[in-house]
All heavy atoms as atom14 arrays in JSON, in Angstrom:
{
  "sequence": "ICWELTSITSYLLIGHTHEKETARQSALQALLVTGLGGMA",
  "atom14_mask": [
    [1, 1, 1, 1, 1, 1, 1, 1, 0, 0, 0, 0, 0, 0],
    [1, 1, 1, 1, 1, 1, 0, 0, 0, 0, 0, 0, 0, 0],
    [1, 1, 1, 1, 1, 1, 1, 1, 1, 1, 1, 1, 1, 1],
    [1, 1, 1, 1, 1, 1, 1, 1, 1, 0, 0, 0, 0, 0],
    [1, 1, 1, 1, 1, 1, 1, 1, 0, 0, 0, 0, 0, 0],
    [1, 1, 1, 1, 1, 1, 1, 0, 0, 0, 0, 0, 0, 0],
    [1, 1, 1, 1, 1, 1, 0, 0, 0, 0, 0, 0, 0, 0],
    [1, 1, 1, 1, 1, 1, 1, 1, 0, 0, 0, 0, 0, 0],
    [1, 1, 1, 1, 1, 1, 1, 0, 0, 0, 0, 0, 0, 0],
    [1, 1, 1, 1, 1, 1, 0, 0, 0, 0, 0, 0, 0, 0],
    [1, 1, 1, 1, 1, 1, 1, 1, 1, 1, 1, 1, 0, 0],
    [1, 1, 1, 1, 1, 1, 1, 1, 0, 0, 0, 0, 0, 0],
    [1, 1, 1, 1, 1, 1, 1, 1, 0, 0, 0, 0, 0, 0],
    [1, 1, 1, 1, 1, 1, 1, 1, 0, 0, 0, 0, 0, 0],
    [1, 1, 1, 1, 0, 0, 0, 0, 0, 0, 0, 0, 0, 0],
    [1, 1, 1, 1, 1, 1, 1, 1, 1, 1, 0, 0, 0, 0],
    [1, 1, 1, 1, 1, 1, 1, 0, 0, 0, 0, 0, 0, 0],
    [1, 1, 1, 1, 1, 1, 1, 1, 1, 1, 0, 0, 0, 0],
    [1, 1, 1, 1, 1, 1, 1, 1, 1, 0, 0, 0, 0, 0],
    [1, 1, 1, 1, 1, 1, 1, 1, 1, 0, 0, 0, 0, 0],
    [1, 1, 1, 1, 1, 1, 1, 1, 1, 0, 0, 0, 0, 0],
    [1, 1, 1, 1, 1, 1, 1, 0, 0, 0, 0, 0, 0, 0],
    [1, 1, 1, 1, 1, 0, 0, 0, 0, 0, 0, 0, 0, 0],
    [1, 1, 1, 1, 1, 1, 1, 1, 1, 1, 1, 0, 0, 0],
    [1, 1, 1, 1, 1, 1, 1, 1, 1, 0, 0, 0, 0, 0],
    [1, 1, 1, 1, 1, 1, 0, 0, 0, 0, 0, 0, 0, 0],
    [1, 1, 1, 1, 1, 0, 0, 0, 0, 0, 0, 0, 0, 0],
    [1, 1, 1, 1, 1, 1, 1, 1, 0, 0, 0, 0, 0, 0],
    [1, 1, 1, 1, 1, 1, 1, 1, 1, 0, 0, 0, 0, 0],
    [1, 1, 1, 1, 1, 0, 0, 0, 0, 0, 0, 0, 0, 0],
    [1, 1, 1, 1, 1, 1, 1, 1, 0, 0, 0, 0, 0, 0],
    [1, 1, 1, 1, 1, 1, 1, 1, 0, 0, 0, 0, 0, 0],
    [1, 1, 1, 1, 1, 1, 1, 0, 0, 0, 0, 0, 0, 0],
    [1, 1, 1, 1, 1, 1, 1, 0, 0, 0, 0, 0, 0, 0],
    [1, 1, 1, 1, 0, 0, 0, 0, 0, 0, 0, 0, 0, 0],
    [1, 1, 1, 1, 1, 1, 1, 1, 0, 0, 0, 0, 0, 0],
    [1, 1, 1, 1, 0, 0, 0, 0, 0, 0, 0, 0, 0, 0],
    [1, 1, 1, 1, 0, 0, 0, 0, 0, 0, 0, 0, 0, 0],
    [1, 1, 1, 1, 1, 1, 1, 1, 0, 0, 0, 0, 0, 0],
    [1, 1, 1, 1, 1, 0, 0, 0, 0, 0, 0, 0, 0, 0]
  ],
  "atom14_positions": [
    [[2.39, -3.22, 15.31], [3.61, -3.09, 14.51], [3.53, -3.99, 13.28], [3.81, -3.57, 12.15], [4.85, -3.42, 15.36], [5.06, -2.34, 16.43], [6.09, -3.54, 14.49], [6.15, -2.65, 17.41], [0.0, 0.0, 0.0], [0.0, 0.0, 0.0], [0.0, 0.0, 0.0], [0.0, 0.0, 0.0], [0.0, 0.0, 0.0], [0.0, 0.0, 0.0]],
    [[3.15, -5.24, 13.48], [3.05, -6.17, 12.36], [1.9, -5.77, 11.43], [1.99, -5.97, 10.21], [2.85, -7.59, 12.88], [4.27, -8.24, 13.79], [0.0, 0.0, 0.0], [0.0, 0.0, 0.0], [0.0, 0.0, 0.0], [0.0, 0.0, 0.0], [0.0, 0.0, 0.0], [0.0, 0.0, 0.0], [0.0, 0.0, 0.0], [0.0, 0.0, 0.0]],
    [[0.84, -5.23, 11.99], [-0.29, -4.76, 11.18], [0.17, -3.7, 10.18], [-0.16, -3.75, 8.98], [-1.36, -4.19, 12.11], [-2.62, -3.75, 11.46], [-2.85, -2.56, 10.83], [-3.85, -4.48, 11.38], [-4.14, -2.5, 10.38], [-4.79, -3.66, 10.7], [-4.25, -5.72, 11.83], [-6.09, -4.07, 10.46], [-5.57, -6.13, 11.59], [-6.46, -5.32, 10.92]],
    [[0.95, -2.75, 10.66], [1.43, -1.69, 9.78], [2.47, -2.22, 8.78], [2.54, -1.75, 7.64], [2.04, -0.55, 10.61], [1.02, 0.23, 11.43], [-0.03, 0.87, 10.54], [0.21, 1.98, 10.04], [-1.1, 0.27, 10.32], [0.0, 0.0, 0.0], [0.0, 0.0, 0.0], [0.0, 0.0, 0.0], [0.0, 0.0, 0.0], [0.0, 0.0, 0.0]],
    [[3.25, -3.2, 9.2], [4.21, -3.8, 8.28], [3.51, -4.5, 7.12], [4.0, -4.47, 5.99], [5.11, -4.8, 9.02], [6.19, -4.19, 9.91], [6.93, -5.28, 10.67], [7.17, -3.35, 9.1], [0.0, 0.0, 0.0], [0.0, 0.0, 0.0], [0.0, 0.0, 0.0], [0.0, 0.0, 0.0], [0.0, 0.0, 0.0], [0.0, 0.0, 0.0]],
    [[2.36, -5.11, 7.39], [1.62, -5.73, 6.28], [1.12, -4.67, 5.3], [1.1, -4.91, 4.08], [0.42, -6.55, 6.81], [-0.48, -5.69, 7.52], [0.88, -7.66, 7.73], [0.0, 0.0, 0.0], [0.0, 0.0, 0.0], [0.0, 0.0, 0.0], [0.0, 0.0, 0.0], [0.0, 0.0, 0.0], [0.0, 0.0, 0.0], [0.0, 0.0, 0.0]],
    [[0.74, -3.5, 5.81], [0.3, -2.42, 4.91], [1.45, -1.93, 4.04], [1.29, -1.7, 2.83], [-0.28, -1.26, 5.72], [-1.45, -1.65, 6.42], [0.0, 0.0, 0.0], [0.0, 0.0, 0.0], [0.0, 0.0, 0.0], [0.0, 0.0, 0.0], [0.0, 0.0, 0.0], [0.0, 0.0, 0.0], [0.0, 0.0, 0.0], [0.0, 0.0, 0.0]],
    [[2.62, -1.78, 4.66], [3.78, -1.28, 3.91], [4.23, -2.29, 2.87], [4.49, -1.95, 1.71], [4.92, -0.94, 4.88], [4.5, 0.22, 5.8], [6.2, -0.58, 4.12], [5.46, 0.48, 6.93], [0.0, 0.0, 0.0], [0.0, 0.0, 0.0], [0.0, 0.0, 0.0], [0.0, 0.0, 0.0], [0.0, 0.0, 0.0], [0.0, 0.0, 0.0]],
    [[4.34, -3.55, 3.26], [4.8, -4.57, 2.31], [3.77, -4.82, 1.21], [4.14, -5.08, 0.06], [5.11, -5.88, 3.04], [4.0, -6.24, 3.9], [6.35, -5.74, 3.9], [0.0, 0.0, 0.0], [0.0, 0.0, 0.0], [0.0, 0.0, 0.0], [0.0, 0.0, 0.0], [0.0, 0.0, 0.0], [0.0, 0.0, 0.0], [0.0, 0.0, 0.0]],
    [[2.49, -4.74, 1.55], [1.48, -4.9, 0.5], [1.54, -3.74, -0.49], [1.3, -3.93, -1.69], [0.08, -5.0, 1.11], [-0.28, -3.78, 1.75], [0.0, 0.0, 0.0], [0.0, 0.0, 0.0], [0.0, 0.0, 0.0], [0.0, 0.0, 0.0], [0.0, 0.0, 0.0], [0.0, 0.0, 0.0], [0.0, 0.0, 0.0], [0.0, 0.0, 0.0]],
    [[1.87, -2.56, -0.01], [2.07, -1.4, -0.91], [3.19, -1.7, -1.91], [3.06, -1.44, -3.11], [2.4, -0.17, -0.07], [2.99, 0.98, -0.85], [2.19, 1.8, -1.63], [4.35, 1.25, -0.79], [2.72, 2.86, -2.35], [4.9, 2.31, -1.51], [4.08, 3.1, -2.28], [4.61, 4.15, -2.99], [0.0, 0.0, 0.0], [0.0, 0.0, 0.0]],
    [[4.27, -2.26, -1.42], [5.39, -2.6, -2.29], [5.02, -3.71, -3.27], [5.45, -3.7, -4.43], [6.6, -3.02, -1.45], [7.17, -1.95, -0.52], [8.23, -2.54, 0.39], [7.74, -0.79, -1.32], [0.0, 0.0, 0.0], [0.0, 0.0, 0.0], [0.0, 0.0, 0.0], [0.0, 0.0, 0.0], [0.0, 0.0, 0.0], [0.0, 0.0, 0.0]],
    [[4.23, -4.67, -2.81], [3.84, -5.78, -3.67], [2.85, -5.34, -4.74], [2.98, -5.71, -5.92], [3.24, -6.9, -2.83], [4.23, -7.71, -1.99], [3.51, -8.56, -0.96], [5.1, -8.58, -2.89], [0.0, 0.0, 0.0], [0.0, 0.0, 0.0], [0.0, 0.0, 0.0], [0.0, 0.0, 0.0], [0.0, 0.0, 0.0], [0.0, 0.0, 0.0]],
    [[1.85, -4.56, -4.36], [0.86, -4.1, -5.34], [1.53, -3.21, -6.39], [1.18, -3.25, -7.57], [-0.29, -3.36, -4.63], [-1.05, -4.33, -3.71], [-1.25, -2.74, -5.64], [-2.04, -3.65, -2.8], [0.0, 0.0, 0.0], [0.0, 0.0, 0.0], [0.0, 0.0, 0.0], [0.0, 0.0, 0.0], [0.0, 0.0, 0.0], [0.0, 0.0, 0.0]],
    [[2.5, -2.43, -5.96], [3.21, -1.55, -6.89], [4.44, -2.18, -7.51], [5.36, -1.46, -7.9], [0.0, 0.0, 0.0], [0.0, 0.0, 0.0], [0.0, 0.0, 0.0], [0.0, 0.0, 0.0], [0.0, 0.0, 0.0], [0.0, 0.0, 0.0], [0.0, 0.0, 0.0], [0.0, 0.0, 0.0], [0.0, 0.0, 0.0], [0.0, 0.0, 0.0]],
    [[4.46, -3.51, -7.61], [5.64, -4.19, -8.17], [5.96, -3.69, -9.57], [7.11, -3.38, -9.89], [5.4, -5.7, -8.19], [6.49, -6.47, -8.87], [7.76, -6.59, -8.34], [6.51, -7.15, -10.06], [8.5, -7.31, -9.16], [7.78, -7.65, -10.21], [0.0, 0.0, 0.0], [0.0, 0.0, 0.0], [0.0, 0.0, 0.0], [0.0, 0.0, 0.0]],
    [[4.95, -3.58, -10.4], [5.16, -3.04, -11.75], [5.02, -1.52, -11.68], [4.09, -0.93, -12.23], [4.13, -3.64, -12.73], [2.81, -3.45, -12.2], [4.38, -5.12, -12.92], [0.0, 0.0, 0.0], [0.0, 0.0, 0.0], [0.0, 0.0, 0.0], [0.0, 0.0, 0.0], [0.0, 0.0, 0.0], [0.0, 0.0, 0.0], [0.0, 0.0, 0.0]],
    [[5.97, -0.89, -11.0], [5.85, 0.53, -10.67], [5.98, 1.44, -11.89], [5.7, 2.63, -11.8], [6.92, 0.91, -9.65], [8.3, 0.48, -10.05], [9.06, 1.17, -10.95], [9.05, -0.6, -9.67], [10.22, 0.57, -11.1], [10.25, -0.52, -10.35], [0.0, 0.0, 0.0], [0.0, 0.0, 0.0], [0.0, 0.0, 0.0], [0.0, 0.0, 0.0]],
    [[6.4, 0.9, -13.02], [6.46, 1.73, -14.22], [5.07, 2.03, -14.77], [4.91, 2.91, -15.61], [7.31, 1.05, -15.29], [6.75, -0.26, -15.83], [7.08, -1.46, -14.96], [7.73, -1.25, -13.91], [6.71, -2.59, -15.33], [0.0, 0.0, 0.0], [0.0, 0.0, 0.0], [0.0, 0.0, 0.0], [0.0, 0.0, 0.0], [0.0, 0.0, 0.0]],
    [[4.05, 1.3, -14.28], [2.68, 1.53, -14.72], [1.97, 2.45, -13.73], [2.03, 2.24, -12.52], [1.92, 0.21, -14.83], [2.5, -0.77, -15.85], [1.71, -2.06, -15.87], [2.28, -3.06, -16.87], [1.53, -4.34, -16.86], [0.0, 0.0, 0.0], [0.0, 0.0, 0.0], [0.0, 0.0, 0.0], [0.0, 0.0, 0.0], [0.0, 0.0, 0.0]],
    [[1.29, 3.45, -14.27], [0.62, 4.41, -13.41], [-0.48, 3.76, -12.58], [-0.67, 4.09, -11.41], [0.04, 5.55, -14.25], [-0.62, 6.64, -13.41], [-1.2, 7.75, -14.26], [-1.02, 7.71, -15.49], [-1.83, 8.66, -13.68], [0.0, 0.0, 0.0], [0.0, 0.0, 0.0], [0.0, 0.0, 0.0], [0.0, 0.0, 0.0], [0.0, 0.0, 0.0]],
    [[-1.21, 2.8, -13.19], [-2.3, 2.14, -12.46], [-1.76, 1.38, -11.24], [-2.4, 1.37, -10.19], [-3.04, 1.17, -13.38], [-2.11, 0.26, -13.98], [-3.78, 1.93, -14.47], [0.0, 0.0, 0.0], [0.0, 0.0, 0.0], [0.0, 0.0, 0.0], [0.0, 0.0, 0.0], [0.0, 0.0, 0.0], [0.0, 0.0, 0.0], [0.0, 0.0, 0.0]],
    [[-0.59, 0.76, -11.39], [-0.01, 0.02, -10.27], [0.38, 0.98, -9.15], [0.14, 0.71, -7.96], [1.2, -0.78, -10.74], [0.0, 0.0, 0.0], [0.0, 0.0, 0.0], [0.0, 0.0, 0.0], [0.0, 0.0, 0.0], [0.0, 0.0, 0.0], [0.0, 0.0, 0.0], [0.0, 0.0, 0.0], [0.0, 0.0, 0.0], [0.0, 0.0, 0.0]],
    [[1.0, 2.09, -9.5], [1.4, 3.08, -8.49], [0.18, 3.65, -7.79], [0.16, 3.81, -6.56], [2.22, 4.2, -9.13], [3.52, 3.74, -9.77], [4.42, 4.93, -10.07], [3.79, 5.9, -10.94], [3.86, 5.87, -12.27], [4.54, 4.88, -12.87], [3.28, 6.8, -13.0], [0.0, 0.0, 0.0], [0.0, 0.0, 0.0], [0.0, 0.0, 0.0]],
    [[-0.83, 3.96, -8.57], [-2.04, 4.55, -8.01], [-2.76, 3.57, -7.09], [-3.2, 3.94, -5.99], [-2.95, 5.0, -9.15], [-4.15, 5.82, -8.71], [-5.0, 6.25, -9.9], [-5.76, 5.46, -10.45], [-4.85, 7.49, -10.31], [0.0, 0.0, 0.0], [0.0, 0.0, 0.0], [0.0, 0.0, 0.0], [0.0, 0.0, 0.0], [0.0, 0.0, 0.0]],
    [[-2.86, 2.31, -7.51], [-3.53, 1.3, -6.7], [-2.76, 1.01, -5.42], [-3.35, 0.81, -4.35], [-3.7, 0.01, -7.51], [-4.49, 0.23, -8.66], [0.0, 0.0, 0.0], [0.0, 0.0, 0.0], [0.0, 0.0, 0.0], [0.0, 0.0, 0.0], [0.0, 0.0, 0.0], [0.0, 0.0, 0.0], [0.0, 0.0, 0.0], [0.0, 0.0, 0.0]],
    [[-1.43, 0.97, -5.52], [-0.61, 0.73, -4.34], [-0.77, 1.86, -3.33], [-0.91, 1.62, -2.12], [0.85, 0.58, -4.74], [0.0, 0.0, 0.0], [0.0, 0.0, 0.0], [0.0, 0.0, 0.0], [0.0, 0.0, 0.0], [0.0, 0.0, 0.0], [0.0, 0.0, 0.0], [0.0, 0.0, 0.0], [0.0, 0.0, 0.0], [0.0, 0.0, 0.0]],
    [[-0.78, 3.09, -3.82], [-0.96, 4.23, -2.92], [-2.34, 4.21, -2.28], [-2.49, 4.5, -1.09], [-0.76, 5.53, -3.7], [-0.95, 6.83, -2.9], [0.06, 6.9, -1.76], [-0.82, 8.05, -3.81], [0.0, 0.0, 0.0], [0.0, 0.0, 0.0], [0.0, 0.0, 0.0], [0.0, 0.0, 0.0], [0.0, 0.0, 0.0], [0.0, 0.0, 0.0]],
    [[-3.35, 3.86, -3.07], [-4.7, 3.79, -2.52], [-4.8, 2.75, -1.41], [-5.36, 3.02, -0.34], [-5.7, 3.46, -3.63], [-7.14, 3.5, -3.18], [-8.1, 3.16, -4.31], [-8.19, 2.01, -4.71], [-8.82, 4.16, -4.81], [0.0, 0.0, 0.0], [0.0, 0.0, 0.0], [0.0, 0.0, 0.0], [0.0, 0.0, 0.0], [0.0, 0.0, 0.0]],
    [[-4.25, 1.57, -1.64], [-4.26, 0.52, -0.61], [-3.53, 0.98, 0.63], [-3.97, 0.74, 1.77], [-3.65, -0.76, -1.16], [0.0, 0.0, 0.0], [0.0, 0.0, 0.0], [0.0, 0.0, 0.0], [0.0, 0.0, 0.0], [0.0, 0.0, 0.0], [0.0, 0.0, 0.0], [0.0, 0.0, 0.0], [0.0, 0.0, 0.0], [0.0, 0.0, 0.0]],
    [[-2.39, 1.65, 0.45], [-1.61, 2.11, 1.59], [-2.35, 3.17, 2.39], [-2.38, 3.14, 3.63], [-0.27, 2.67, 1.11], [0.66, 3.2, 2.21], [1.1, 2.08, 3.14], [1.87, 3.9, 1.6], [0.0, 0.0, 0.0], [0.0, 0.0, 0.0], [0.0, 0.0, 0.0], [0.0, 0.0, 0.0], [0.0, 0.0, 0.0], [0.0, 0.0, 0.0]],
    [[-2.97, 4.13, 1.69], [-3.68, 5.2, 2.39], [-4.89, 4.67, 3.16], [-5.11, 5.02, 4.32], [-4.1, 6.28, 1.4], [-2.97, 7.13, 0.8], [-3.53, 8.11, -0.22], [-2.23, 7.89, 1.9], [0.0, 0.0, 0.0], [0.0, 0.0, 0.0], [0.0, 0.0, 0.0], [0.0, 0.0, 0.0], [0.0, 0.0, 0.0], [0.0, 0.0, 0.0]],
    [[-5.67, 3.82, 2.5], [-6.89, 3.32, 3.15], [-6.54, 2.45, 4.34], [-7.05, 2.66, 5.46], [-7.76, 2.55, 2.14], [-8.95, 1.9, 2.85], [-8.26, 3.47, 1.04], [0.0, 0.0, 0.0], [0.0, 0.0, 0.0], [0.0, 0.0, 0.0], [0.0, 0.0, 0.0], [0.0, 0.0, 0.0], [0.0, 0.0, 0.0], [0.0, 0.0, 0.0]],
    [[-5.68, 1.47, 4.13], [-5.32, 0.57, 5.24], [-4.44, 1.28, 6.27], [-4.51, 0.97, 7.46], [-4.59, -0.68, 4.72], [-3.4, -0.29, 4.02], [-5.49, -1.45, 3.76], [0.0, 0.0, 0.0], [0.0, 0.0, 0.0], [0.0, 0.0, 0.0], [0.0, 0.0, 0.0], [0.0, 0.0, 0.0], [0.0, 0.0, 0.0], [0.0, 0.0, 0.0]],
    [[-3.62, 2.23, 5.81], [-2.78, 2.97, 6.75], [-3.59, 3.87, 7.67], [-3.33, 3.93, 8.88], [0.0, 0.0, 0.0], [0.0, 0.0, 0.0], [0.0, 0.0, 0.0], [0.0, 0.0, 0.0], [0.0, 0.0, 0.0], [0.0, 0.0, 0.0], [0.0, 0.0, 0.0], [0.0, 0.0, 0.0], [0.0, 0.0, 0.0], [0.0, 0.0, 0.0]],
    [[-4.58, 4.56, 7.12], [-5.45, 5.39, 7.96], [-6.26, 4.52, 8.91], [-6.49, 4.88, 10.07], [-6.38, 6.23, 7.09], [-5.7, 7.35, 6.29], [-6.69, 8.02, 5.35], [-5.1, 8.39, 7.25], [0.0, 0.0, 0.0], [0.0, 0.0, 0.0], [0.0, 0.0, 0.0], [0.0, 0.0, 0.0], [0.0, 0.0, 0.0], [0.0, 0.0, 0.0]],
    [[-6.7, 3.36, 8.42], [-7.36, 2.42, 9.32], [-6.44, 1.95, 10.41], [-6.86, 1.75, 11.57], [0.0, 0.0, 0.0], [0.0, 0.0, 0.0], [0.0, 0.0, 0.0], [0.0, 0.0, 0.0], [0.0, 0.0, 0.0], [0.0, 0.0, 0.0], [0.0, 0.0, 0.0], [0.0, 0.0, 0.0], [0.0, 0.0, 0.0], [0.0, 0.0, 0.0]],
    [[-5.15, 1.78, 10.08], [-4.17, 1.39, 11.09], [-4.0, 2.44, 12.16], [-3.82, 2.11, 13.35], [0.0, 0.0, 0.0], [0.0, 0.0, 0.0], [0.0, 0.0, 0.0], [0.0, 0.0, 0.0], [0.0, 0.0, 0.0], [0.0, 0.0, 0.0], [0.0, 0.0, 0.0], [0.0, 0.0, 0.0], [0.0, 0.0, 0.0], [0.0, 0.0, 0.0]],
    [[-4.06, 3.71, 11.8], [-3.96, 4.77, 12.81], [-5.17, 4.74, 13.75], [-5.03, 4.94, 14.97], [-3.87, 6.14, 12.12], [-2.65, 6.3, 11.23], [-1.09, 5.95, 12.09], [-1.08, 7.3, 13.27], [0.0, 0.0, 0.0], [0.0, 0.0, 0.0], [0.0, 0.0, 0.0], [0.0, 0.0, 0.0], [0.0, 0.0, 0.0], [0.0, 0.0, 0.0]],
    [[-6.35, 4.5, 13.18], [-7.53, 4.35, 14.03], [-7.38, 3.14, 14.94], [-7.74, 3.18, 16.13], [-8.78, 4.22, 13.16], [0.0, 0.0, 0.0], [0.0, 0.0, 0.0], [0.0, 0.0, 0.0], [0.0, 0.0, 0.0], [0.0, 0.0, 0.0], [0.0, 0.0, 0.0], [0.0, 0.0, 0.0], [0.0, 0.0, 0.0], [0.0, 0.0, 0.0]]
  ]
}
């Protein structure tokens, strides 16, 4: 549970400057990679 919470909160932190496309893209990438790893 805490492992997945770190992925979600890091997504929010990386995408802090969400008005920038690079920030949104990087946040999504981090969430997908670590989130899929979390499912495994």
